[in-house]
PDB file of N, CA and C in Angstrom:
ATOM      1  N   UNK A   1      -3.015  -0.283 -11.399  1.00  0.00           N
ATOM      2  CA  UNK A   1      -1.770  -0.805 -10.425  1.00  0.00           C
ATOM      3  C   UNK A   1      -0.749  -0.662 -10.362  1.00  0.00           C
ATOM      4  N   UNK A   2       0.143  -0.309 -10.573  1.00  0.00           N
ATOM      5  CA  UNK A   2       1.604  -0.878 -11.686  1.00  0.00           C
ATOM      6  C   UNK A   2       2.023  -0.100 -10.996  1.00  0.00           C
ATOM      7  N   UNK A   3       1.354   1.473 -10.756  1.00  0.00           N
ATOM      8  CA  UNK A   3       2.681   2.089 -10.241  1.00  0.00           C
ATOM      9  C   UNK A   3       2.222   2.360  -9.106  1.00  0.00           C
ATOM     10  N   UNK A   4       1.523   1.344  -8.574  1.00  0.00           N
ATOM     11  CA  UNK A   4       1.041   1.586  -6.634  1.00  0.00           C
ATOM     12  C   UNK A   4       2.097   0.565  -6.785  1.00  0.00           C
ATOM     13  N   UNK A   5       1.533  -0.421  -7.447  1.00  0.00           N
ATOM     14  CA  UNK A   5       3.158  -1.857  -7.211  1.00  0.00           C
ATOM     15  C   UNK A   5       4.680  -1.355  -7.162  1.00  0.00           C
ATOM     16  N   UNK A   6       4.573  -0.693  -7.760  1.00  0.00           N
ATOM     17  CA  UNK A   6       6.071  -0.252  -8.421  1.00  0.00           C
ATOM     18  C   UNK A   6       6.074   0.413  -7.042  1.00  0.00           C
ATOM     19  N   UNK A   7       5.471   1.615  -6.541  1.00  0.00           N
ATOM     20  CA  UNK A   7       6.213   2.186  -5.427  1.00  0.00           C
ATOM     21  C   UNK A   7       6.111   1.920  -3.774  1.00  0.00           C
ATOM     22  N   UNK A   8       5.656   0.537  -4.081  1.00  0.00           N
ATOM     23  CA  UNK A   8       5.553  -0.258  -2.294  1.00  0.00           C
ATOM     24  C   UNK A   8       5.659  -0.344  -2.595  1.00  0.00           C
ATOM     25  N   UNK A   9       7.272  -1.589  -3.142  1.00  0.00           N
ATOM     26  CA  UNK A   9       8.041  -1.974  -3.662  1.00  0.00           C
ATOM     27  C   UNK A   9       9.063  -1.319  -3.312  1.00  0.00           C
ATOM     28  N   UNK A  10       9.616   0.097  -3.539  1.00  0.00           N
ATOM     29  CA  UNK A  10      10.080   0.891  -3.936  1.00  0.00           C
ATOM     30  C   UNK A  10      10.025   1.132  -2.182  1.00  0.00           C
ATOM     31  N   UNK A  11       8.997   1.733  -1.174  1.00  0.00           N
ATOM     32  CA  UNK A  11       8.661   1.806   0.387  1.00  0.00           C
ATOM     33  C   UNK A  11       9.075   0.733   1.071  1.00  0.00           C
ATOM     34  N   UNK A  12       9.306  -0.649   0.973  1.00  0.00           N
ATOM     35  CA  UNK A  12       9.609  -1.962   1.553  1.00  0.00           C
ATOM     36  C   UNK A  12      10.754  -2.607   1.353  1.00  0.00           C
ATOM     37  N   UNK A  13      10.794  -1.373  -0.081  1.00  0.00           N
ATOM     38  CA  UNK A  13      12.430  -2.105  -0.161  1.00  0.00           C
ATOM     39  C   UNK A  13      13.223  -3.352  -0.168  1.00  0.00           C
ATOM     40  N   UNK A  14      11.971  -3.821  -1.702  1.00  0.00           N
ATOM     41  CA  UNK A  14      11.801  -4.969  -2.687  1.00  0.00           C
ATOM     42  C   UNK A  14      11.632  -5.156  -3.837  1.00  0.00           C
ATOM     43  N   UNK A  15      11.413  -6.196  -4.245  1.00  0.00           N
ATOM     44  CA  UNK A  15      11.743  -6.224  -5.689  1.00  0.00           C
ATOM     45  C   UNK A  15      10.376  -6.731  -6.264  1.00  0.00           C
ATOM     46  N   UNK A  16      10.034  -5.092  -6.981  1.00  0.00           N
ATOM     47  CA  UNK A  16       8.512  -4.990  -7.340  1.00  0.00           C
ATOM     48  C   UNK A  16       8.223  -6.710  -8.092  1.00  0.00           C
ATOM     49  N   UNK A  17       8.308  -7.118  -8.239  1.00  0.00           N
ATOM     50  CA  UNK A  17       7.872  -8.610  -9.137  1.00  0.00           C
ATOM     51  C   UNK A  17       7.694  -9.212  -7.936  1.00  0.00           C
ATOM     52  N   UNK A  18       7.348  -9.186  -6.629  1.00  0.00           N
ATOM     53  CA  UNK A  18       7.017  -9.455  -5.238  1.00  0.00           C
ATOM     54  C   UNK A  18       5.539  -8.881  -4.950  1.00  0.00           C
ATOM     55  N   UNK A  19       5.557  -8.129  -5.457  1.00  0.00           N
ATOM     56  CA  UNK A  19       4.172  -7.360  -4.888  1.00  0.00           C
ATOM     57  C   UNK A  19       2.909  -7.692  -6.144  1.00  0.00           C
ATOM     58  N   UNK A  20       1.907  -8.633  -5.576  1.00  0.00           N
ATOM     59  CA  UNK A  20       0.765  -8.624  -6.064  1.00  0.00           C
ATOM     60  C   UNK A  20      -0.413  -8.469  -5.584  1.00  0.00           C
ATOM     61  N   UNK A  21      -1.443  -8.060  -5.473  1.00  0.00           N
ATOM     62  CA  UNK A  21      -3.111  -8.548  -4.413  1.00  0.00           C
ATOM     63  C   UNK A  21      -2.324  -8.758  -2.926  1.00  0.00           C
ATOM     64  N   UNK A  22      -2.014 -10.157  -3.330  1.00  0.00           N
ATOM     65  CA  UNK A  22      -1.651 -11.167  -2.185  1.00  0.00           C
ATOM     66  C   UNK A  22      -1.203 -11.263  -1.582  1.00  0.00           C
ATOM     67  N   UNK A  23       0.382 -10.256  -1.757  1.00  0.00           N
ATOM     68  CA  UNK A  23       1.073 -10.331  -1.126  1.00  0.00           C
ATOM     69  C   UNK A  23       1.195  -9.428   0.515  1.00  0.00           C
ATOM     70  N   UNK A  24       1.864 -10.180   1.463  1.00  0.00           N
ATOM     71  CA  UNK A  24       1.616 -10.943   3.180  1.00  0.00           C
ATOM     72  C   UNK A  24       2.602  -9.253   3.331  1.00  0.00           C
ATOM     73  N   UNK A  25       1.892  -7.851   3.374  1.00  0.00           N
ATOM     74  CA  UNK A  25       3.031  -7.047   3.761  1.00  0.00           C
ATOM     75  C   UNK A  25       3.206  -7.464   5.567  1.00  0.00           C
ATOM     76  N   UNK A  26       2.660  -8.451   6.088  1.00  0.00           N
ATOM     77  CA  UNK A  26       3.622  -8.562   7.796  1.00  0.00           C
ATOM     78  C   UNK A  26       4.116  -9.915   7.230  1.00  0.00           C
ATOM     79  N   UNK A  27       4.893 -10.005   6.359  1.00  0.00           N
ATOM     80  CA  UNK A  27       5.660 -11.170   6.024  1.00  0.00           C
ATOM     81  C   UNK A  27       7.221 -11.011   6.149  1.00  0.00           C
ATOM     82  N   UNK A  28       7.684 -11.193   6.981  1.00  0.00           N
ATOM     83  CA  UNK A  28       9.434 -11.081   6.748  1.00  0.00           C
ATOM     84  C   UNK A  28       9.894 -10.452   6.264  1.00  0.00           C
ATOM     85  N   UNK A  29       9.883 -10.681   4.453  1.00  0.00           N
ATOM     86  CA  UNK A  29      10.528 -10.139   3.794  1.00  0.00           C
ATOM     87  C   UNK A  29       9.772  -8.419   4.001  1.00  0.00           C
ATOM     88  N   UNK A  30       8.843  -8.239   4.185  1.00  0.00           N
ATOM     89  CA  UNK A  30       7.795  -6.310   4.022  1.00  0.00           C
ATOM     90  C   UNK A  30       8.992  -5.539   5.275  1.00  0.00           C
ATOM     91  N   UNK A  31       8.859  -4.224   5.654  1.00  0.00           N
ATOM     92  CA  UNK A  31       9.225  -3.383   6.390  1.00  0.00           C
ATOM     93  C   UNK A  31       7.715  -3.133   6.477  1.00  0.00           C
ATOM     94  N   UNK A  32       6.512  -3.077   6.828  1.00  0.00           N
ATOM     95  CA  UNK A  32       5.314  -2.708   7.001  1.00  0.00           C
ATOM     96  C   UNK A  32       5.377  -1.621   8.480  1.00  0.00           C
ATOM     97  N   UNK A  33       6.024  -1.049   8.628  1.00  0.00           N
ATOM     98  CA  UNK A  33       5.923  -0.062   9.571  1.00  0.00           C
ATOM     99  C   UNK A  33       5.468   0.671   9.476  1.00  0.00           C
ATOM    100  N   UNK A  34       5.053   2.409  10.225  1.00  0.00           N
ATOM    101  CA  UNK A  34       5.196   3.400  10.507  1.00  0.00           C
ATOM    102  C   UNK A  34       5.464   4.596   9.216  1.00  0.00           C
ATOM    103  N   UNK A  35       6.745   4.203   9.062  1.00  0.00           N
ATOM    104  CA  UNK A  35       6.727   4.808   8.379  1.00  0.00           C
ATOM    105  C   UNK A  35       6.353   3.921   6.992  1.00  0.00           C
ATOM    106  N   UNK A  36       6.483   3.460   6.767  1.00  0.00           N
ATOM    107  CA  UNK A  36       6.064   2.480   5.229  1.00  0.00           C
ATOM    108  C   UNK A  36       4.819   3.157   5.508  1.00  0.00           C
ATOM    109  N   UNK A  37       3.560   3.364   6.199  1.00  0.00           N
ATOM    110  CA  UNK A  37       2.878   3.318   5.938  1.00  0.00           C
ATOM    111  C   UNK A  37       2.106   4.929   6.174  1.00  0.00           C
ATOM    112  N   UNK A  38       2.918   5.779   6.621  1.00  0.00           N
ATOM    113  CA  UNK A  38       3.002   6.795   6.095  1.00  0.00           C
ATOM    114  C   UNK A  38       3.310   7.297   4.287  1.00  0.00           C
ATOM    115  N   UNK A  39       4.293   6.652   4.117  1.00  0.00           N
ATOM    116  CA  UNK A  39       4.896   7.072   2.187  1.00  0.00           C
ATOM    117  C   UNK A  39       3.905   6.117   1.525  1.00  0.00           C
ATOM    118  N   UNK A  40       3.127   5.100   2.336  1.00  0.00           N
ATOM    119  CA  UNK A  40       2.252   5.145   1.565  1.00  0.00           C
ATOM    120  C   UNK A  40       0.974   5.344   1.299  1.00  0.00           C
ATOM    121  N   UNK A  41       0.211   6.625   2.252  1.00  0.00           N
ATOM    122  CA  UNK A  41      -0.596   7.444   2.450  1.00  0.00           C
ATOM    123  C   UNK A  41       0.183   8.485   1.244  1.00  0.00           C
ATOM    124  N   UNK A  42       0.805   8.703   1.248  1.00  0.00           N
ATOM    125  CA  UNK A  42       0.915   9.611   0.133  1.00  0.00           C
ATOM    126  C   UNK A  42       1.335   9.490  -0.669  1.00  0.00           C
ATOM    127  N   UNK A  43       1.824   7.933  -1.407  1.00  0.00           N
ATOM    128  CA  UNK A  43       1.784   7.390  -2.732  1.00  0.00           C
ATOM    129  C   UNK A  43       0.529   7.763  -3.110  1.00  0.00           C
ATOM    130  N   UNK A  44      -0.924   6.945  -2.371  1.00  0.00           N
ATOM    131  CA  UNK A  44      -1.953   6.640  -2.761  1.00  0.00           C
ATOM    132  C   UNK A  44      -2.160   8.283  -3.292  1.00  0.00           C
ATOM    133  N   UNK A  45      -2.130   8.967  -2.745  1.00  0.00           N
ATOM    134  CA  UNK A  45      -2.042  10.486  -2.745  1.00  0.00           C
ATOM    135  C   UNK A  45      -1.850  11.413  -3.788  1.00  0.00           C
ATOM    136  N   UNK A  46      -1.234  10.656  -4.629  1.00  0.00           N
ATOM    137  CA  UNK A  46      -0.119  11.270  -5.803  1.00  0.00           C
ATOM    138  C   UNK A  46      -0.789  10.241  -6.832  1.00  0.00           C
ATOM    139  N   UNK A  47      -0.761   9.558  -6.940  1.00  0.00           N
ATOM    140  CA  UNK A  47      -1.432   8.447  -7.267  1.00  0.00           C
ATOM    141  C   UNK A  47      -3.053   8.113  -7.943  1.00  0.00           C
ATOM    142  N   UNK A  48      -3.250   8.551  -6.665  1.00  0.00           N
ATOM    143  CA  UNK A  48      -4.864   8.480  -6.986  1.00  0.00           C
ATOM    144  C   UNK A  48      -5.869   9.406  -6.688  1.00  0.00           C
ATOM    145  N   UNK A  49      -4.604  10.321  -5.563  1.00  0.00           N
ATOM    146  CA  UNK A  49      -6.116  11.966  -5.499  1.00  0.00           C
ATOM    147  C   UNK A  49      -7.076  11.061  -4.619  1.00  0.00           C
ATOM    148  N   UNK A  50      -6.526  10.446  -4.128  1.00  0.00           N
ATOM    149  CA  UNK A  50      -7.733   9.910  -2.653  1.00  0.00           C
ATOM    150  C   UNK A  50      -6.724  10.157  -1.661  1.00  0.00           C
ATOM    151  N   UNK A  51      -7.439  10.335  -0.149  1.00  0.00           N
ATOM    152  CA  UNK A  51      -6.391  10.430   1.021  1.00  0.00           C
ATOM    153  C   UNK A  51      -6.871   8.993   1.448  1.00  0.00           C
ATOM    154  N   UNK A  52      -6.613   8.125   1.920  1.00  0.00           N
ATOM    155  CA  UNK A  52      -6.243   7.260   2.967  1.00  0.00           C
ATOM    156  C   UNK A  52      -5.537   6.908   4.713  1.00  0.00           C
ATOM    157  N   UNK A  53      -6.956   7.030   5.932  1.00  0.00           N
ATOM    158  CA  UNK A  53      -6.733   7.194   6.793  1.00  0.00           C
ATOM    159  C   UNK A  53      -5.261   5.672   7.561  1.00  0.00           C
ATOM    160  N   UNK A  54      -4.618   6.558   8.590  1.00  0.00           N
ATOM    161  CA  UNK A  54      -3.571   5.536   8.472  1.00  0.00           C
ATOM    162  C   UNK A  54      -3.648   4.830   9.215  1.00  0.00           C
ATOM    163  N   UNK A  55      -4.716   4.318  10.276  1.00  0.00           N
ATOM    164  CA  UNK A  55      -5.582   3.570  11.061  1.00  0.00           C
ATOM    165  C   UNK A  55      -5.926   2.491  10.213  1.00  0.00           C
ATOM    166  N   UNK A  56      -6.532   2.868   9.125  1.00  0.00           N
ATOM    167  CA  UNK A  56      -7.211   1.833   8.392  1.00  0.00           C
ATOM    168  C   UNK A  56      -5.802   0.946   7.788  1.00  0.00           C
ATOM    169  N   UNK A  57      -5.190   1.745   6.591  1.00  0.00           N
ATOM    170  CA  UNK A  57      -3.811   1.318   6.267  1.00  0.00           C
ATOM    171  C   UNK A  57      -3.434   0.525   6.885  1.00  0.00           C
ATOM    172  N   UNK A  58      -3.022   0.684   8.778  1.00  0.00           N
ATOM    173  CA  UNK A  58      -1.939  -0.257   9.377  1.00  0.00           C
ATOM    174  C   UNK A  58      -2.596  -1.406   9.425  1.00  0.00           C
ATOM    175  N   UNK A  59      -4.338  -1.376   9.421  1.00  0.00           N
ATOM    176  CA  UNK A  59      -4.748  -2.446   9.956  1.00  0.00           C
ATOM    177  C   UNK A  59      -5.283  -3.684   8.343  1.00  0.00           C
ATOM    178  N   UNK A  60      -4.207  -2.766   7.253  1.00  0.00           N
ATOM    179  CA  UNK A  60      -4.573  -3.841   5.757  1.00  0.00           C
ATOM    180  C   UNK A  60      -3.188  -5.164   6.400  1.00  0.00           C
ATOM    181  N   UNK A  61      -3.369  -6.445   5.765  1.00  0.00           N
ATOM    182  CA  UNK A  61      -2.196  -7.061   5.757  1.00  0.00           C
ATOM    183  C   UNK A  61      -1.835  -7.634   4.665  1.00  0.00           C
ATOM    184  N   UNK A  62      -2.665  -7.550   3.363  1.00  0.00           N
ATOM    185  CA  UNK A  62      -2.590  -7.442   1.934  1.00  0.00           C
ATOM    186  C   UNK A  62      -1.890  -6.226   1.150  1.00  0.00           C
ATOM    187  N   UNK A  63      -2.067  -5.963  -0.022  1.00  0.00           N
ATOM    188  CA  UNK A  63      -1.289  -5.011  -1.000  1.00  0.00           C
ATOM    189  C   UNK A  63      -2.704  -5.121  -1.519  1.00  0.00           C
ATOM    190  N   UNK A  64      -4.454  -6.899  -1.397  1.00  0.00           N
ATOM    191  CA  UNK A  64      -5.370  -6.866  -2.275  1.00  0.00           C
ATOM    192  C   UNK A  64      -6.198  -5.659  -1.515  1.00  0.00           C
ATOM    193  N   UNK A  65      -5.478  -5.779   0.120  1.00  0.00           N
ATOM    194  CA  UNK A  65      -6.530  -5.026   0.862  1.00  0.00           C
ATOM    195  C   UNK A  65      -6.655  -3.565   0.562  1.00  0.00           C
ATOM    196  N   UNK A  66      -4.679  -3.153   0.640  1.00  0.00           N
ATOM    197  CA  UNK A  66      -5.050  -1.695  -0.211  1.00  0.00           C
ATOM    198  C   UNK A  66      -5.598  -1.385  -1.109  1.00  0.00           C
ATOM    199  N   UNK A  67      -5.653  -2.119  -1.718  1.00  0.00           N
ATOM    200  CA  UNK A  67      -6.789  -1.594  -2.959  1.00  0.00           C
ATOM    201  C   UNK A  67      -7.785  -1.096  -2.883  1.00  0.00           C
ATOM    202  N   UNK A  68      -8.268  -1.865  -1.945  1.00  0.00           N
ATOM    203  CA  UNK A  68      -9.744  -2.255  -1.329  1.00  0.00           C
ATOM    204  C   UNK A  68      -9.629  -0.991  -0.834  1.00  0.00           C
ATOM    205  N   UNK A  69      -9.498  -0.296   0.101  1.00  0.00           N
ATOM    206  CA  UNK A  69      -9.725   1.070   0.688  1.00  0.00           C
ATOM    207  C   UNK A  69      -8.892   1.787  -0.593  1.00  0.00           C
ATOM    208  N   UNK A  70      -8.626   2.050  -1.764  1.00  0.00           N
ATOM    209  CA  UNK A  70      -8.694   2.807  -2.527  1.00  0.00           C
ATOM    210  C   UNK A  70      -9.789   2.881  -3.351  1.00  0.00           C
ATOM    211  N   UNK A  71     -10.469   1.635  -3.793  1.00  0.00           N
ATOM    212  CA  UNK A  71     -11.675   2.128  -3.903  1.00  0.00           C
ATOM    213  C   UNK A  71     -12.214   2.105  -3.521  1.00  0.00           C
ATOM    214  N   UNK A  72     -12.719   1.752  -2.544  1.00  0.00           N
ATOM    215  CA  UNK A  72     -14.213   2.207  -1.417  1.00  0.00           C
ATOM    216  C   UNK A  72     -13.726   4.140  -0.924  1.00  0.00           C
ATOM    217  N   UNK A  73     -12.258   4.709  -1.599  1.00  0.00           N
ATOM    218  CA  UNK A  73     -12.063   6.453  -0.857  1.00  0.00           C
ATOM    219  C   UNK A  73     -11.931   7.034  -2.433  1.00  0.00           C
ATOM    220  N   UNK A  74     -12.426   6.506  -3.398  1.00  0.00           N
ATOM    221  CA  UNK A  74     -12.364   6.523  -4.989  1.00  0.00           C
ATOM    222  C   UNK A  74     -14.036   6.970  -5.318  1.00  0.00           C
ATOM    223  N   UNK A  75     -14.794   5.799  -4.695  1.00  0.00           N
ATOM    224  CA  UNK A  75     -16.740   5.828  -4.090  1.00  0.00           C
ATOM    225  C   UNK A  75     -16.573   6.855  -3.409  1.00  0.00           C
ATOM    226  N   UNK A  76     -16.010   7.092  -2.788  1.00  0.00           N
ATOM    227  CA  UNK A  76     -16.738   7.891  -1.145  1.00  0.00           C
ATOM    228  C   UNK A  76     -16.589   9.050  -1.236  1.00  0.00           C
TER     229      UNK A  76
END
């Protein structure tokens, strides 16, 4: 998942060391907006070859919840 963490850090324009499963996407540190959601959809498609729903991704509160969506999409 390190490629995912690095990509999310780049999208949110924050230090990659700050990204972990408990990272709060709605904190003041993160710019979790519609552009970030679309960018993460593309990142996940590139890294894992799965497509996530924008609606489901928007509802994620942490990076760990994004990881759970990825795992569910891989199994589905």
